């Protein structure tokens, strides 16, 4: 709301001053309420349905896997990290946003296990854990030791947004989650405005090649499936279920996808498969519609707020005519500025989305 202050009669100035005073008082009261809530004991419900009570705002945070770390950084809470998992300092966007992450203690990872003695010794106000493997048991164990621990499961755009809300509430700054979520919703709306009118016969089929190899793919229910759908496409493996599935080359040929999106982990090998003679008649191969999912700083098919940029990128690659008015780098820069106060370009980011057969 903007209050004009030019060329009005002096008789209206007292009213204007009164209104400004009321607005200012309201804002101050709101800030006091939020601050008081954050500095007093409060209970939040994590994504495993567990009630977790914190004595106040979480000022000392430990993250135990990469999606948790990137979520914390996207909320502008880098200065509250006191330890991270062993993989997070290897993610380029993490070090670009917060170089100090490389100096933080590392407490292991969910694959090899966490160093619980180090976690407890650091006396965190909050530990953020995963839902898979022993994450819930570990959270309960920490709780019995007097350390609040929440479990998150960011496996869809909606659950990524809920992850942000839970972490921001625990940190006593729920408005930070609102800012990031609004940016995510803006990108989704931008994509839907250009793909909603697609007829069923116009929607392109996409094969997603996953981290375990070219013939490993994401079935329905996984984040990658949702990203393809949100972009207006159809995941070739949508009717499969579970976690990453291995398929045969014959199944790939039978699906005959219009496009191939490969994750970054197999970028160097995916092109070799696309050059095989037995795949030459697949539509994606014949038309050259095969890409590596961006970016150089963080993979966008990885659970984080950046996944929504993967949706925008996919829409642009699948339906360039419908996205002709979208400057992809400009939108990516704007999104990074909102989350990290620095643009993608300023951080030296590159799409790097080509695959050579």
Protein backbone atom coordinates (compact mmCIF):
# COMPACT_ATOMS: atom_id res chain seq x y z
CA UNK A 1 0.00 0.00 0.00
CA UNK A 2 1.39 3.41 -0.99
CA UNK A 3 0.26 6.61 0.79
CA UNK A 4 0.52 9.69 -1.42
CA UNK A 5 1.91 12.84 0.18
CA UNK A 6 1.86 15.44 -2.59
CA UNK A 7 -0.54 18.30 -3.40
CA UNK A 8 -3.29 17.46 -0.93
CA UNK A 9 -4.93 19.92 1.42
CA UNK A 10 -3.38 20.48 4.82
CA UNK A 11 -6.70 19.47 6.40
CA UNK A 12 -6.03 15.85 5.39
CA UNK A 13 -2.52 15.68 6.88
CA UNK A 14 -3.69 14.88 10.46
CA UNK A 15 -5.72 11.96 9.08
CA UNK A 16 -2.73 10.74 7.10
CA UNK A 17 -0.47 11.04 10.15
CA UNK A 18 -3.03 9.15 12.24
CA UNK A 19 -3.23 6.36 9.65
CA UNK A 20 0.56 6.09 9.45
CA UNK A 21 0.68 5.90 13.22
CA UNK A 22 -1.86 3.08 13.31
CA UNK A 23 0.02 1.16 10.60
CA UNK A 24 3.34 1.62 12.37
CA UNK A 25 1.85 0.52 15.68
CA UNK A 26 0.39 -2.57 13.99
CA UNK A 27 3.70 -3.52 12.44
CA UNK A 28 5.53 -3.04 15.75
CA UNK A 29 2.91 -5.10 17.58
CA UNK A 30 3.20 -7.86 14.97
CA UNK A 31 6.99 -7.93 15.30
CA UNK A 32 6.73 -8.03 19.09
CA UNK A 33 4.24 -10.93 18.87
CA UNK A 34 6.45 -12.93 16.51
CA UNK A 35 9.55 -12.19 18.59
CA UNK A 36 7.81 -13.15 21.84
CA UNK A 37 6.59 -16.39 20.27
CA UNK A 38 10.06 -17.21 18.95
CA UNK A 39 11.76 -16.55 22.29
CA UNK A 40 9.39 -18.68 24.34
CA UNK A 41 8.87 -22.48 24.39
CA UNK A 42 6.77 -23.64 21.46
CA UNK A 43 5.93 -26.91 19.76
CA UNK A 44 6.08 -27.66 16.06
CA UNK A 45 4.94 -30.75 14.18
CA UNK A 46 7.56 -32.19 11.83
CA UNK A 47 6.94 -34.13 8.61
CA UNK A 48 6.95 -37.45 10.43
CA UNK A 49 4.04 -36.20 12.57
CA UNK A 50 6.24 -35.83 15.64
CA UNK A 51 5.64 -33.03 18.17
CA UNK A 52 8.93 -31.25 18.83
CA UNK A 53 9.21 -28.63 21.57
CA UNK A 54 11.83 -25.90 21.37
CA UNK A 55 12.75 -23.61 24.24
CA UNK A 56 12.91 -20.62 21.87
CA UNK A 57 14.12 -19.71 18.41
CA UNK A 58 16.71 -22.12 17.01
CA UNK A 59 19.97 -20.19 16.91
CA UNK A 60 22.31 -23.20 16.61
CA UNK A 61 21.30 -25.52 13.76
CA UNK A 62 22.82 -28.76 12.50
CA UNK A 63 21.83 -30.21 9.14
CA UNK A 64 22.44 -33.87 8.36
CA UNK A 65 21.79 -34.10 4.61
CA UNK A 66 22.03 -31.90 1.53
CA UNK A 67 18.36 -30.91 1.07
CA UNK A 68 18.24 -29.70 4.68
CA UNK A 69 21.36 -27.58 4.24
CA UNK A 70 20.16 -25.93 1.04
CA UNK A 71 16.77 -25.26 2.62
CA UNK A 72 18.46 -23.51 5.56
CA UNK A 73 20.60 -21.42 3.19
CA UNK A 74 17.60 -20.47 1.05
CA UNK A 75 15.95 -19.09 4.19
CA UNK A 76 18.94 -16.84 4.90
CA UNK A 77 19.93 -18.78 8.01
CA UNK A 78 23.54 -19.58 7.11
CA UNK A 79 24.88 -17.80 10.19
CA UNK A 80 22.97 -20.22 12.44
CA UNK A 81 24.65 -23.37 11.12
CA UNK A 82 27.08 -24.91 13.60
CA UNK A 83 27.68 -28.21 11.76
CA UNK A 84 26.64 -29.96 8.54
CA UNK A 85 26.80 -33.37 6.93
CA UNK A 86 29.95 -34.37 5.07
CA UNK A 87 28.43 -33.91 1.61
CA UNK A 88 26.96 -30.39 1.89
CA UNK A 89 30.32 -28.52 1.66
CA UNK A 90 30.88 -30.22 -1.71
CA UNK A 91 27.78 -28.63 -3.28
CA UNK A 92 28.96 -25.60 -5.23
CA UNK A 93 25.95 -23.40 -4.51
CA UNK A 94 26.40 -23.97 -0.78
CA UNK A 95 29.97 -22.69 -0.87
CA UNK A 96 28.99 -19.83 -3.21
CA UNK A 97 26.24 -18.70 -0.84
CA UNK A 98 28.13 -19.36 2.38
CA UNK A 99 31.90 -19.93 2.03
CA UNK A 100 32.11 -20.47 5.78
CA UNK A 101 30.35 -23.80 5.38
CA UNK A 102 33.71 -25.37 4.56
CA UNK A 103 34.98 -24.50 8.04
CA UNK A 104 32.06 -26.01 9.93
CA UNK A 105 32.36 -29.35 11.76
CA UNK A 106 31.12 -32.30 9.70
CA UNK A 107 29.02 -34.87 11.49
CA UNK A 108 28.92 -37.69 8.90
CA UNK A 109 26.00 -38.49 6.63
CA UNK A 110 22.97 -40.71 6.41
CA UNK A 111 24.81 -43.29 4.28
CA UNK A 112 27.74 -43.94 6.64
CA UNK A 113 26.11 -42.76 9.85
CA UNK A 114 26.19 -39.67 12.05
CA UNK A 115 28.72 -38.89 14.75
CA UNK A 116 26.27 -38.53 17.62
CA UNK A 117 28.95 -37.58 20.13
CA UNK A 118 29.90 -34.55 18.02
CA UNK A 119 26.27 -33.60 17.49
CA UNK A 120 25.52 -33.65 21.21
CA UNK A 121 28.78 -31.87 22.12
CA UNK A 122 27.88 -28.93 19.86
CA UNK A 123 24.70 -28.33 21.91
CA UNK A 124 22.46 -27.41 18.98
CA UNK A 125 19.03 -25.85 19.39
CA UNK A 126 17.83 -27.85 16.38
CA UNK A 127 18.98 -30.86 14.35
CA UNK A 128 17.33 -31.45 10.97
CA UNK A 129 17.10 -35.10 9.96
CA UNK A 130 15.80 -37.18 7.06
CA UNK A 131 12.79 -39.51 7.07
CA UNK A 132 14.60 -42.42 5.41
CA UNK A 133 16.78 -45.07 7.06
CA UNK A 134 17.22 -44.37 10.79
CA UNK A 135 16.34 -40.66 10.70
CA UNK A 136 13.25 -40.90 12.90
CA UNK A 137 14.98 -43.15 15.44
CA UNK A 138 17.91 -40.74 15.55
CA UNK A 139 15.56 -37.78 16.05
CA UNK A 140 13.89 -39.57 18.97
CA UNK A 141 17.26 -40.44 20.48
CA UNK A 142 18.38 -36.82 20.30
CA UNK A 143 15.09 -35.74 21.86
CA UNK A 144 15.74 -38.00 24.83
CA UNK A 145 19.11 -36.27 25.18
CA UNK A 146 17.37 -32.89 25.36
CA UNK A 147 18.18 -31.84 21.80
CA UNK A 148 15.20 -30.88 19.60
CA UNK A 149 15.33 -32.73 16.27
CA UNK A 150 12.90 -32.49 13.38
CA UNK A 151 12.39 -34.86 10.48
CA UNK A 152 11.74 -33.48 6.99
CA UNK A 153 10.75 -35.20 3.75
CA UNK A 154 11.16 -32.78 0.82
CA UNK A 155 10.10 -35.09 -2.03
CA UNK A 156 7.61 -32.88 -3.90
CA UNK A 157 7.12 -29.17 -4.49
CA UNK A 158 4.45 -29.06 -1.77
CA UNK A 159 6.61 -30.94 0.72
CA UNK A 160 9.58 -28.71 -0.12
CA UNK A 161 7.42 -25.72 0.79
CA UNK A 162 6.31 -27.42 4.01
CA UNK A 163 9.96 -28.11 4.82
CA UNK A 164 10.67 -24.39 4.53
CA UNK A 165 7.73 -23.53 6.78
CA UNK A 166 8.79 -25.96 9.51
CA UNK A 167 12.43 -24.82 9.55
CA UNK A 168 11.44 -21.15 9.49
CA UNK A 169 9.00 -21.64 12.39
CA UNK A 170 11.68 -23.41 14.39
CA UNK A 171 14.08 -20.54 13.69
CA UNK A 172 11.48 -17.97 14.78
CA UNK A 173 11.21 -16.29 11.38
CA UNK A 174 8.18 -17.72 9.54
CA UNK A 175 8.11 -14.74 7.18
CA UNK A 176 11.30 -15.99 5.52
CA UNK A 177 9.51 -19.12 4.37
CA UNK A 178 6.68 -16.98 3.01
CA UNK A 179 9.14 -15.06 0.84
CA UNK A 180 10.70 -18.18 -0.67
CA UNK A 181 7.34 -19.90 -1.17
CA UNK A 182 5.97 -16.86 -2.98
CA UNK A 183 8.96 -17.01 -5.33
CA UNK A 184 8.34 -20.73 -5.95
CA UNK A 185 4.64 -20.16 -6.61
CA UNK A 186 5.45 -17.32 -9.00
CA UNK A 187 7.57 -19.63 -11.16
CA UNK A 188 4.95 -22.39 -11.12
CA UNK A 189 2.27 -19.90 -12.18
CA UNK A 190 4.54 -18.65 -14.98
CA UNK A 191 4.88 -22.19 -16.33
CA UNK A 192 1.21 -23.09 -15.96
CA UNK A 193 0.15 -19.95 -17.81
CA UNK A 194 1.95 -21.34 -20.86
CA UNK A 195 1.18 -25.06 -20.60
CA UNK A 196 -2.36 -25.26 -19.17
CA UNK A 197 -3.95 -25.10 -22.61
CA UNK A 198 -1.92 -28.00 -24.01
CA UNK A 199 -4.11 -30.78 -25.38
CA UNK A 200 -3.32 -34.36 -24.44
CA UNK A 201 -1.88 -35.10 -27.89
CA UNK A 202 0.42 -32.08 -27.62
CA UNK A 203 2.04 -33.10 -24.35
CA UNK A 204 5.51 -34.51 -24.89
CA UNK A 205 6.72 -37.72 -23.32
CA UNK A 206 9.97 -37.40 -21.37
CA UNK A 207 12.37 -40.10 -20.28
CA UNK A 208 14.34 -39.24 -17.14
CA UNK A 209 17.70 -40.99 -16.80
CA UNK A 210 18.57 -41.20 -13.12
CA UNK A 211 21.76 -41.23 -11.04
CA UNK A 212 22.19 -45.01 -11.13
CA UNK A 213 22.66 -45.11 -14.90
CA UNK A 214 20.96 -44.28 -18.17
CA UNK A 215 18.47 -47.13 -17.87
CA UNK A 216 17.50 -46.21 -14.31
CA UNK A 217 14.49 -43.93 -14.17
CA UNK A 218 12.11 -42.16 -11.80
CA UNK A 219 8.62 -43.65 -11.55
CA UNK A 220 5.40 -41.88 -10.68
CA UNK A 221 5.36 -40.30 -7.24
CA UNK A 222 8.95 -39.11 -7.30
CA UNK A 223 10.02 -35.47 -7.51
CA UNK A 224 11.30 -35.87 -11.08
CA UNK A 225 7.92 -37.20 -12.20
CA UNK A 226 6.20 -34.15 -10.72
CA UNK A 227 8.69 -31.77 -12.33
CA UNK A 228 7.99 -33.23 -15.77
CA UNK A 229 4.24 -33.05 -15.18
CA UNK A 230 4.37 -29.47 -13.87
CA UNK A 231 6.30 -28.52 -17.04
CA UNK A 232 3.49 -29.89 -19.21
CA UNK A 233 5.14 -33.18 -20.09
CA UNK A 234 4.40 -36.85 -19.41
CA UNK A 235 6.93 -38.99 -17.59
CA UNK A 236 7.50 -42.14 -19.65
CA UNK A 237 7.82 -44.11 -16.40
CA UNK A 238 4.82 -42.55 -14.69
CA UNK A 239 2.95 -45.85 -14.39
CA UNK A 240 5.81 -47.47 -12.50
CA UNK A 241 5.95 -47.13 -8.71
CA UNK A 242 8.50 -47.06 -5.93
CA UNK A 243 12.01 -45.60 -6.01
CA UNK A 244 14.38 -45.51 -9.02
CA UNK A 245 13.64 -48.41 -11.37
CA UNK A 246 15.92 -50.20 -13.81
CA UNK A 247 14.50 -50.77 -17.27
CA UNK A 248 15.72 -52.54 -20.39
CA UNK A 249 16.87 -50.81 -23.59
CA UNK A 250 13.87 -52.44 -25.26
CA UNK A 251 11.52 -50.69 -22.83
CA UNK A 252 13.18 -47.36 -23.61
CA UNK A 253 12.67 -47.94 -27.34
CA UNK A 254 9.06 -48.99 -26.76
CA UNK A 255 8.34 -45.83 -24.77
CA UNK A 256 9.84 -43.83 -27.67
CA UNK A 257 10.09 -40.56 -25.71
CA UNK A 258 10.04 -37.14 -27.35
CA UNK A 259 12.81 -35.90 -25.04
CA UNK A 260 15.42 -37.26 -22.64
CA UNK A 261 16.44 -35.48 -19.45
CA UNK A 262 19.51 -36.93 -17.72
CA UNK A 263 20.66 -36.14 -14.20
CA UNK A 264 24.09 -34.58 -13.79
CA UNK A 265 25.67 -37.62 -12.16
CA UNK A 266 25.58 -39.50 -15.49
CA UNK A 267 26.24 -36.57 -17.81
CA UNK A 268 29.50 -38.00 -19.09
CA UNK A 269 28.03 -41.44 -19.88
CA UNK A 270 24.47 -40.63 -20.98
CA UNK A 271 25.57 -39.33 -24.36
CA UNK A 272 27.25 -42.63 -25.17
CA UNK A 273 23.94 -44.47 -24.90
CA UNK A 274 22.19 -41.93 -27.10
CA UNK A 275 24.73 -42.65 -29.82
CA UNK A 276 24.01 -46.39 -29.94
CA UNK A 277 22.59 -47.60 -33.29
CA UNK A 278 19.76 -49.57 -31.64
CA UNK A 279 18.37 -46.30 -30.19
CA UNK A 280 18.70 -44.28 -33.39
CA UNK A 281 14.98 -44.39 -34.24
CA UNK A 282 13.79 -43.10 -30.86
CA UNK A 283 12.13 -39.72 -31.37
CA UNK A 284 14.29 -37.92 -28.79
CA UNK A 285 17.45 -39.20 -30.47
CA UNK A 286 16.28 -38.40 -34.02
CA UNK A 287 15.29 -34.85 -33.05
CA UNK A 288 18.26 -34.16 -30.78
CA UNK A 289 15.99 -33.49 -27.80
CA UNK A 290 18.26 -34.77 -25.06
CA UNK A 291 19.50 -32.60 -22.22
CA UNK A 292 21.30 -32.67 -18.90
CA UNK A 293 19.29 -31.16 -16.07
CA UNK A 294 20.97 -27.92 -14.85
CA UNK A 295 22.91 -26.45 -13.23
CA UNK A 296 26.66 -26.14 -12.62
CA UNK A 297 26.02 -25.04 -9.00
CA UNK A 298 23.30 -27.46 -7.91
CA UNK A 299 21.20 -30.08 -9.71
CA UNK A 300 17.61 -28.90 -10.07
CA UNK A 301 16.22 -32.45 -9.96
CA UNK A 302 17.39 -32.57 -6.34
CA UNK A 303 14.92 -31.80 -3.49
CA UNK A 304 15.24 -28.08 -2.76
CA UNK A 305 13.46 -24.84 -3.66
CA UNK A 306 15.66 -24.76 -6.78
CA UNK A 307 13.65 -27.69 -8.16
CA UNK A 308 11.06 -25.21 -9.39
CA UNK A 309 13.71 -23.78 -11.72
CA UNK A 310 13.96 -27.28 -13.16
CA UNK A 311 10.26 -27.06 -13.95
CA UNK A 312 10.72 -23.72 -15.73
CA UNK A 313 13.76 -25.02 -17.61
CA UNK A 314 11.91 -28.19 -18.67
CA UNK A 315 8.94 -26.17 -19.95
CA UNK A 316 11.25 -23.95 -21.97
CA UNK A 317 13.05 -26.95 -23.49
CA UNK A 318 9.88 -28.92 -24.26
CA UNK A 319 7.76 -26.07 -25.61
CA UNK A 320 10.07 -23.26 -26.78
CA UNK A 321 7.31 -21.55 -28.76
CA UNK A 322 5.11 -21.23 -25.70
CA UNK A 323 8.02 -19.85 -23.66
CA UNK A 324 9.42 -17.53 -26.31
CA UNK A 325 8.82 -14.49 -24.09
CA UNK A 326 10.71 -15.97 -21.13
CA UNK A 327 14.33 -14.97 -20.63
CA UNK A 328 15.44 -18.07 -18.76
CA UNK A 329 18.63 -16.65 -17.26
CA UNK A 330 16.81 -13.49 -16.17
CA UNK A 331 14.21 -15.53 -14.28
CA UNK A 332 16.89 -17.77 -12.77
CA UNK A 333 18.84 -14.70 -11.64
CA UNK A 334 15.74 -13.16 -10.08
CA UNK A 335 14.96 -16.35 -8.16
CA UNK A 336 18.50 -16.65 -6.81
CA UNK A 337 18.49 -13.01 -5.74
CA UNK A 338 15.34 -13.59 -3.68
CA UNK A 339 16.74 -16.69 -1.98
CA UNK A 340 20.42 -15.84 -1.71
CA UNK A 341 20.73 -12.06 -2.27
CA UNK A 342 23.00 -12.82 -5.24
CA UNK A 343 22.08 -13.75 -8.77
CA UNK A 344 22.92 -17.02 -10.46
CA UNK A 345 25.11 -15.11 -12.89
CA UNK A 346 26.95 -13.26 -10.11
CA UNK A 347 27.76 -16.60 -8.49
CA UNK A 348 29.26 -17.85 -11.74
CA UNK A 349 26.42 -20.27 -12.40
CA UNK A 350 25.95 -21.93 -15.81
CA UNK A 351 23.16 -24.10 -17.18
CA UNK A 352 25.46 -26.75 -18.68
CA UNK A 353 22.45 -28.64 -20.02
CA UNK A 354 23.82 -30.15 -23.22
CA UNK A 355 24.43 -33.86 -23.86
CA UNK A 356 26.65 -35.01 -26.70
CA UNK A 357 25.90 -38.43 -28.20
